[in-house]
Amino acid sequence: MYAFTSGAVGAMTLALMTRASLGHTGRLRHAGTLTVCICMLVNVGAVLRVFGPLTNLPIHFVLGVAAASWSGAYLLFAMVYGSYLLRPSLDE
């Protein structure tokens, strides 16, 4: 239960952050290619965290890839949406 809810909370948090960032900066609320990549990365990290230990791969490797995927999603969000949030809104 914990593993599934942590993945859902992480994905929903990013979805809300992207939508709010676009809306509050006066941009069209549309998921572009990078936004889709962000969502895919966080979901891949969650799936690897849940089902990765069931594979025959070394657990440290699987969990490392899951952590890199999860962290990469939030880093990509900061890089893409940080520039939107630091500039004036298009509405102004």
Protein backbone atom coordinates (compact mmCIF):
# COMPACT_ATOMS: atom_id res chain seq x y z
CA MET A 1 0.00 0.00 0.00
CA TYR A 2 2.81 2.42 0.90
CA ALA A 3 4.63 1.86 -2.39
CA PHE A 4 1.57 2.47 -4.52
CA THR A 5 0.45 5.53 -2.61
CA SER A 6 3.91 7.11 -2.64
CA GLY A 7 4.01 6.75 -6.43
CA ALA A 8 0.52 8.18 -6.75
CA VAL A 9 1.31 11.11 -4.46
CA GLY A 10 4.53 11.88 -6.34
CA ALA A 11 2.82 11.77 -9.73
CA MET A 12 -0.14 13.82 -8.55
CA THR A 13 2.13 16.38 -6.91
CA LEU A 14 4.02 16.91 -10.16
CA ALA A 15 0.79 17.09 -12.14
CA LEU A 16 -0.57 19.75 -9.83
CA MET A 17 2.71 21.68 -9.83
CA THR A 18 2.88 21.75 -13.63
CA ARG A 19 -0.75 22.82 -14.04
CA ALA A 20 -0.54 25.50 -11.36
CA SER A 21 2.75 26.82 -12.72
CA LEU A 22 1.33 27.19 -16.20
CA GLY A 23 -1.94 28.72 -15.02
CA HIS A 24 -0.41 31.22 -12.61
CA THR A 25 2.09 32.44 -15.19
CA GLY A 26 -0.55 33.05 -17.84
CA ARG A 27 0.50 30.21 -20.11
CA LEU A 28 -1.70 27.72 -21.90
CA ARG A 29 -2.37 24.70 -19.66
CA HIS A 30 -1.16 22.11 -22.13
CA ALA A 31 1.19 19.21 -21.47
CA GLY A 32 4.14 19.66 -23.80
CA THR A 33 6.79 17.08 -24.59
CA LEU A 34 8.93 17.90 -21.55
CA THR A 35 5.93 17.79 -19.23
CA VAL A 36 5.04 14.34 -20.53
CA CYS A 37 8.67 13.29 -19.99
CA ILE A 38 8.50 14.58 -16.41
CA CYS A 39 5.38 12.54 -15.73
CA MET A 40 6.85 9.45 -17.33
CA LEU A 41 10.04 9.70 -15.28
CA VAL A 42 8.23 9.92 -11.96
CA ASN A 43 5.98 6.98 -12.90
CA VAL A 44 8.92 4.87 -14.07
CA GLY A 45 10.63 5.58 -10.76
CA ALA A 46 7.54 4.50 -8.83
CA VAL A 47 7.07 1.32 -10.86
CA LEU A 48 10.74 0.39 -10.47
CA ARG A 49 10.53 1.02 -6.74
CA VAL A 50 7.53 -1.31 -6.44
CA PHE A 51 8.34 -4.06 -8.92
CA GLY A 52 12.11 -3.71 -9.27
CA PRO A 53 12.94 -6.07 -6.40
CA LEU A 54 11.02 -8.83 -8.22
CA THR A 55 13.51 -8.79 -11.11
CA ASN A 56 16.80 -10.70 -11.15
CA LEU A 57 18.79 -7.47 -11.31
CA PRO A 58 20.86 -6.34 -8.31
CA ILE A 59 18.59 -4.48 -5.90
CA HIS A 60 21.01 -1.58 -5.48
CA PHE A 61 21.04 -1.04 -9.23
CA VAL A 62 17.25 -1.14 -9.55
CA LEU A 63 16.68 1.20 -6.62
CA GLY A 64 19.41 3.51 -7.90
CA VAL A 65 17.72 3.75 -11.30
CA ALA A 66 14.37 4.35 -9.57
CA ALA A 67 15.87 7.12 -7.45
CA ALA A 68 17.59 8.68 -10.47
CA SER A 69 14.34 8.58 -12.42
CA TRP A 70 12.36 10.14 -9.57
CA SER A 71 15.01 12.79 -8.92
CA GLY A 72 15.37 13.45 -12.64
CA ALA A 73 11.66 14.19 -12.90
CA TYR A 74 11.82 16.84 -10.20
CA LEU A 75 15.08 18.26 -11.56
CA LEU A 76 13.57 18.53 -15.04
CA PHE A 77 10.53 20.24 -13.52
CA ALA A 78 12.79 22.76 -11.80
CA MET A 79 14.69 23.44 -15.00
CA VAL A 80 11.65 23.82 -17.26
CA TYR A 81 9.15 25.44 -14.94
CA GLY A 82 11.65 27.41 -12.87
CA SER A 83 12.25 29.73 -15.78
CA TYR A 84 8.49 30.30 -16.11
CA LEU A 85 8.13 31.03 -12.40
CA LEU A 86 11.06 33.43 -12.24
CA ARG A 87 9.86 35.60 -15.13
CA PRO A 88 6.85 37.92 -15.03
CA SER A 89 3.47 36.42 -15.86
CA LEU A 90 2.28 36.70 -19.45
CA ASP A 91 -0.95 38.21 -18.11
CA GLU A 92 0.87 41.29 -16.80
